[in-house]
Amino acid sequence: MNSPLNRFISRLKEYIRVFLSLSFGIFLFVLFFQPFPLANFDFNNQLLFVAGLAAIVFVMMVLRIIFSHYSQEKEQASHGLTMLSNLGDLLFLAMISVAFAFYLRYVGIVSITFYTMFRIVLISSAPLVILRIYEAFRKIRYQNELLVQHESLLQKQLEKYHEDFQSKSIEIISESRNENLKLQIADIAFFKSADNYVEIIHREADQYKRELIRSTMRNIEQQLKPYSNFIRCHRTCIVNIHYARKLNSRFNNYWLTLRDIDEKIPISRQYLLSVRENL
């Protein structure tokens, strides 16, 4: 069950390693660079004192993830973006800074001057900035994974479509019903009106052949309705859009050029929008 509590626990487990890394980073930075005086302690007590600063960072980060989870739930409930996240980081920056100042003053016996407070704010802001960067990369990685999954799904659907498309055939029925012509859908390039006949240009092996069948373009269009790859582009032409290479225009005249076929397919303004959408 994907309850809010389960989502929070899952997110907290994911972030614990980051929080520990941030806390350990603060521990090493304060221990080696000593931005605050540690002369009042021997070495062992220095370690304990600095560990206390790291513990403050860890606790504050845990509190921040609780607040962040709560603010996200509010954003989803209101279907909009709020300022809770940004205000939350400012709030936790203030809380970490105040906690550091009290800890240094009453545990470390460090005088709190303006300069000391400035260093406290800088050090306190480092975990929040790093966490923000981590969350941005995490979001980008998640979006990238979604895009990869979506692309993979589209690729599978496209492959299945092409398999179905290549295997299907259609029987073109003539008006007299004794001149029927059965062809693979993938092999038909286009249909062209020829007086009382319709000319069918189709591929056979590596060549294109032309067949005449007694029919009208209206009858052919009715027979092709179940197949979305055939579109009417002119009163005299129906084209298999998979053979289209480029939509051309000049002086308000439009035509299609096809792959491997030296022929211009006229496009009337009536069908121009449909052709553009299919391309």
Protein backbone atom coordinates (compact mmCIF):
# COMPACT_ATOMS: atom_id res chain seq x y z
CA MET A 1 0.00 0.00 0.00
CA ASN A 2 1.52 3.33 -1.16
CA SER A 3 0.39 5.43 1.84
CA PRO A 4 1.93 8.84 2.72
CA LEU A 5 3.72 7.21 5.67
CA ASN A 6 5.25 4.49 3.47
CA ARG A 7 6.35 7.10 0.93
CA PHE A 8 7.94 9.15 3.69
CA ILE A 9 9.80 6.13 5.16
CA SER A 10 11.05 5.15 1.71
CA ARG A 11 12.27 8.69 1.04
CA LEU A 12 13.90 8.94 4.48
CA LYS A 13 15.83 5.71 3.90
CA GLU A 14 17.06 7.06 0.58
CA TYR A 15 18.24 10.31 2.17
CA ILE A 16 19.88 8.89 5.33
CA ARG A 17 23.14 8.19 3.46
CA VAL A 18 23.16 11.76 2.15
CA PHE A 19 22.54 13.17 5.63
CA LEU A 20 25.34 11.07 7.10
CA SER A 21 27.70 12.25 4.34
CA LEU A 22 26.79 15.91 4.98
CA SER A 23 27.26 15.51 8.73
CA PHE A 24 30.60 13.76 8.26
CA GLY A 25 31.68 16.52 5.87
CA ILE A 26 30.89 19.21 8.48
CA PHE A 27 32.73 17.12 11.09
CA LEU A 28 35.91 16.93 8.98
CA PHE A 29 35.75 20.58 7.91
CA VAL A 30 35.42 21.93 11.47
CA LEU A 31 38.00 19.49 12.84
CA PHE A 32 40.73 20.24 10.30
CA PHE A 33 40.09 23.91 9.43
CA GLN A 34 38.89 24.94 12.92
CA PRO A 35 36.72 27.94 11.97
CA PHE A 36 35.85 28.11 15.66
CA PRO A 37 38.43 28.06 18.49
CA LEU A 38 38.84 24.61 20.04
CA ALA A 39 41.72 25.41 22.40
CA ASN A 40 39.51 24.86 25.44
CA PHE A 41 39.39 21.10 24.75
CA ASP A 42 41.95 18.32 24.57
CA PHE A 43 41.99 16.19 21.44
CA ASN A 44 39.37 13.63 22.59
CA ASN A 45 37.02 16.33 23.77
CA GLN A 46 37.57 18.18 20.51
CA LEU A 47 36.33 15.11 18.66
CA LEU A 48 33.23 14.94 20.86
CA PHE A 49 32.61 18.66 20.52
CA VAL A 50 32.88 18.62 16.72
CA ALA A 51 30.74 15.45 16.60
CA GLY A 52 28.06 17.47 18.38
CA LEU A 53 28.05 20.00 15.53
CA ALA A 54 27.74 17.15 13.02
CA ALA A 55 24.84 15.71 15.06
CA ILE A 56 23.06 19.07 14.90
CA VAL A 57 23.35 19.03 11.10
CA PHE A 58 22.03 15.45 10.93
CA VAL A 59 19.01 16.17 13.17
CA MET A 60 18.18 19.34 11.26
CA MET A 61 18.38 17.51 7.93
CA VAL A 62 15.96 14.86 9.21
CA LEU A 63 13.58 17.59 10.36
CA ARG A 64 13.92 19.24 6.96
CA ILE A 65 12.96 16.05 5.09
CA ILE A 66 9.86 15.77 7.31
CA PHE A 67 8.92 19.36 6.51
CA SER A 68 9.70 18.83 2.81
CA HIS A 69 7.50 15.74 2.65
CA TYR A 70 4.67 17.63 4.34
CA SER A 71 5.00 20.59 1.94
CA GLN A 72 4.98 18.27 -1.11
CA GLU A 73 1.81 16.59 0.14
CA LYS A 74 0.26 20.05 0.41
CA GLU A 75 1.38 20.97 -3.09
CA GLN A 76 -0.12 17.79 -4.55
CA ALA A 77 -3.36 18.36 -2.64
CA SER A 78 -3.67 21.92 -3.94
CA HIS A 79 -2.52 20.97 -7.48
CA GLY A 80 -0.12 23.89 -7.53
CA LEU A 81 3.29 25.14 -6.50
CA THR A 82 3.76 26.86 -3.13
CA MET A 83 6.58 28.75 -1.46
CA LEU A 84 6.75 26.26 1.42
CA SER A 85 9.92 24.59 0.16
CA ASN A 86 11.91 27.83 -0.21
CA LEU A 87 10.62 29.24 3.05
CA GLY A 88 11.41 25.94 4.72
CA ASP A 89 15.07 26.12 3.69
CA LEU A 90 15.34 29.68 5.03
CA LEU A 91 13.73 28.52 8.25
CA PHE A 92 16.13 25.60 8.64
CA LEU A 93 19.12 27.79 7.82
CA ALA A 94 18.07 30.03 10.69
CA MET A 95 17.47 27.04 12.97
CA ILE A 96 20.87 25.45 12.22
CA SER A 97 22.62 28.79 12.70
CA VAL A 98 20.90 29.41 16.03
CA ALA A 99 21.58 25.84 17.17
CA PHE A 100 25.28 26.23 16.23
CA ALA A 101 25.48 29.57 18.05
CA PHE A 102 23.95 28.18 21.27
CA TYR A 103 26.12 25.08 21.08
CA LEU A 104 29.31 27.11 20.57
CA ARG A 105 28.42 29.60 23.28
CA TYR A 106 27.26 27.28 26.06
CA VAL A 107 29.19 24.07 25.26
CA GLY A 108 32.30 25.37 23.53
CA ILE A 109 32.54 28.60 25.58
CA VAL A 110 33.09 30.51 22.33
CA SER A 111 32.40 34.23 22.23
CA ILE A 112 29.71 34.95 19.63
CA THR A 113 30.83 37.94 17.61
CA PHE A 114 29.50 39.24 14.32
CA TYR A 115 32.38 37.56 12.48
CA THR A 116 31.77 34.27 14.29
CA MET A 117 28.07 34.47 13.41
CA PHE A 118 28.96 35.14 9.77
CA ARG A 119 31.06 31.94 9.69
CA ILE A 120 28.25 30.03 11.41
CA VAL A 121 25.75 31.10 8.71
CA LEU A 122 28.17 30.16 5.92
CA ILE A 123 28.87 26.72 7.38
CA SER A 124 25.16 26.17 8.12
CA SER A 125 24.17 27.02 4.55
CA ALA A 126 26.60 24.47 3.02
CA PRO A 127 24.49 21.34 3.83
CA LEU A 128 21.33 22.99 2.51
CA VAL A 129 22.99 24.10 -0.74
CA ILE A 130 24.51 20.65 -1.31
CA LEU A 131 21.16 19.01 -0.53
CA ARG A 132 19.39 21.31 -2.99
CA ILE A 133 21.90 20.37 -5.70
CA TYR A 134 21.45 16.67 -4.88
CA GLU A 135 17.66 16.98 -5.10
CA ALA A 136 17.92 18.79 -8.46
CA PHE A 137 20.12 16.03 -9.90
CA ARG A 138 17.79 13.42 -8.38
CA LYS A 139 14.81 15.05 -10.09
CA ILE A 140 16.66 15.24 -13.42
CA ARG A 141 17.68 11.57 -13.11
CA TYR A 142 14.08 10.56 -12.34
CA GLN A 143 12.74 12.53 -15.31
CA ASN A 144 15.41 10.99 -17.54
CA GLU A 145 14.40 7.49 -16.40
CA LEU A 146 10.77 8.30 -17.22
CA LEU A 147 11.78 9.54 -20.67
CA VAL A 148 13.84 6.41 -21.31
CA GLN A 149 10.91 4.20 -20.25
CA HIS A 150 8.53 6.22 -22.42
CA GLU A 151 10.90 6.01 -25.39
CA SER A 152 11.28 2.26 -24.90
CA LEU A 153 7.49 1.85 -24.80
CA LEU A 154 7.08 3.93 -27.96
CA GLN A 155 9.81 1.93 -29.68
CA LYS A 156 8.07 -1.36 -28.83
CA GLN A 157 4.74 0.01 -30.06
CA LEU A 158 6.39 1.26 -33.24
CA GLU A 159 8.05 -2.11 -33.87
CA LYS A 160 4.75 -3.91 -33.31
CA TYR A 161 2.99 -1.46 -35.62
CA HIS A 162 5.57 -2.02 -38.35
CA GLU A 163 5.31 -5.79 -37.94
CA ASP A 164 1.54 -5.61 -38.30
CA PHE A 165 1.84 -3.15 -41.15
CA GLN A 166 4.29 -5.31 -43.07
CA SER A 167 2.21 -8.48 -42.70
CA LYS A 168 -1.24 -7.11 -43.62
CA SER A 169 -2.66 -7.26 -47.10
CA ILE A 170 -5.69 -5.70 -48.75
CA GLU A 171 -7.88 -6.77 -51.64
CA ILE A 172 -8.76 -3.85 -53.90
CA ILE A 173 -12.25 -4.56 -55.25
CA SER A 174 -13.16 -3.28 -58.69
CA GLU A 175 -16.61 -2.08 -59.70
CA SER A 176 -17.12 -5.15 -61.85
CA ARG A 177 -15.81 -7.35 -59.00
CA ASN A 178 -13.89 -9.53 -61.47
CA GLU A 179 -10.68 -7.50 -61.54
CA ASN A 180 -9.85 -7.58 -57.85
CA LEU A 181 -6.24 -7.02 -56.89
CA LYS A 182 -4.67 -8.30 -53.66
CA LEU A 183 -1.55 -6.48 -52.44
CA GLN A 184 0.50 -6.04 -49.30
CA ILE A 185 -0.37 -2.73 -47.64
CA ALA A 186 3.31 -1.94 -47.17
CA ASP A 187 3.90 -2.27 -50.92
CA ILE A 188 1.27 0.25 -52.05
CA ALA A 189 2.75 3.73 -52.63
CA PHE A 190 -0.28 5.67 -53.87
CA PHE A 191 -3.50 5.60 -55.90
CA LYS A 192 -4.12 7.91 -58.81
CA SER A 193 -7.25 8.64 -60.75
CA ALA A 194 -7.14 7.72 -64.46
CA ASP A 195 -10.49 8.56 -66.07
CA ASN A 196 -12.80 5.60 -65.31
CA TYR A 197 -9.94 3.68 -63.73
CA VAL A 198 -7.70 3.99 -60.73
CA GLU A 199 -3.98 3.52 -61.15
CA ILE A 200 -2.27 1.67 -58.31
CA ILE A 201 1.47 2.22 -57.95
CA HIS A 202 2.98 -0.52 -55.81
CA ARG A 203 6.35 -2.06 -55.08
CA GLU A 204 7.23 -5.52 -56.27
CA ALA A 205 10.69 -6.73 -55.31
CA ASP A 206 12.92 -3.70 -55.96
CA GLN A 207 10.76 -2.16 -58.66
CA TYR A 208 7.54 -0.16 -58.77
CA LYS A 209 4.70 -1.34 -60.96
CA ARG A 210 1.48 0.29 -62.08
CA GLU A 211 -1.82 -1.56 -62.15
CA LEU A 212 -5.14 -0.32 -63.49
CA ILE A 213 -8.41 -1.28 -61.88
CA ARG A 214 -11.89 -0.11 -62.89
CA SER A 215 -13.11 1.92 -59.96
CA THR A 216 -13.45 5.45 -58.60
CA MET A 217 -11.37 7.27 -56.03
CA ARG A 218 -14.42 7.44 -53.76
CA ASN A 219 -14.76 3.64 -53.77
CA ILE A 220 -11.04 3.20 -53.16
CA GLU A 221 -11.16 5.69 -50.28
CA GLN A 222 -14.02 3.74 -48.67
CA GLN A 223 -12.02 0.51 -48.89
CA LEU A 224 -8.97 2.17 -47.34
CA LYS A 225 -10.80 3.65 -44.33
CA PRO A 226 -9.55 0.98 -41.84
CA TYR A 227 -5.93 1.85 -42.70
CA SER A 228 -4.81 5.16 -41.22
CA ASN A 229 -1.59 5.30 -43.25
CA PHE A 230 -3.56 6.08 -46.44
CA ILE A 231 -4.65 9.72 -46.69
CA ARG A 232 -6.50 11.64 -49.37
CA CYS A 233 -4.36 14.55 -50.54
CA HIS A 234 -6.13 15.53 -53.75
CA ARG A 235 -9.32 14.62 -55.60
CA THR A 236 -7.09 12.55 -57.91
CA CYS A 237 -4.67 11.03 -55.36
CA ILE A 238 -4.53 8.91 -52.22
CA VAL A 239 -1.04 8.38 -50.82
CA ASN A 240 0.54 5.95 -48.37
CA ILE A 241 2.03 8.42 -45.91
CA HIS A 242 4.91 6.05 -45.13
CA TYR A 243 6.27 6.74 -48.61
CA ALA A 244 6.15 10.52 -48.18
CA ARG A 245 9.55 12.18 -48.09
CA LYS A 246 8.88 15.91 -48.10
CA LEU A 247 6.05 18.43 -48.28
CA ASN A 248 6.89 21.10 -50.85
CA SER A 249 5.28 24.44 -51.64
CA ARG A 250 5.69 27.21 -54.18
CA PHE A 251 3.37 30.12 -54.90
CA ASN A 252 0.55 28.52 -52.88
CA ASN A 253 0.95 25.25 -54.74
CA TYR A 254 1.68 22.18 -52.61
CA TRP A 255 2.94 18.74 -53.49
CA LEU A 256 4.54 15.68 -51.94
CA THR A 257 7.75 14.04 -53.05
CA LEU A 258 8.02 10.33 -52.33
CA ARG A 259 10.85 8.01 -51.39
CA ASP A 260 12.40 6.14 -54.33
CA ILE A 261 9.66 7.32 -56.71
CA ASP A 262 10.15 10.16 -59.16
CA GLU A 263 6.65 11.56 -58.99
CA LYS A 264 5.02 14.64 -57.53
CA ILE A 265 1.79 14.07 -55.63
CA PRO A 266 -0.43 17.19 -55.76
CA ILE A 267 -2.03 18.46 -52.58
CA SER A 268 -5.18 20.55 -52.65
CA ARG A 269 -5.86 23.15 -49.97
CA GLN A 270 -8.85 21.08 -48.84
CA TYR A 271 -6.54 18.28 -47.67
CA LEU A 272 -3.44 20.30 -46.76
CA LEU A 273 -4.07 20.40 -43.01
CA SER A 274 -4.67 16.63 -42.84
CA VAL A 275 -1.45 15.94 -44.76
CA ARG A 276 0.57 18.22 -42.45
CA GLU A 277 -0.84 16.54 -39.34
CA ASN A 278 0.01 13.08 -40.67
CA LEU A 279 3.52 14.11 -41.65
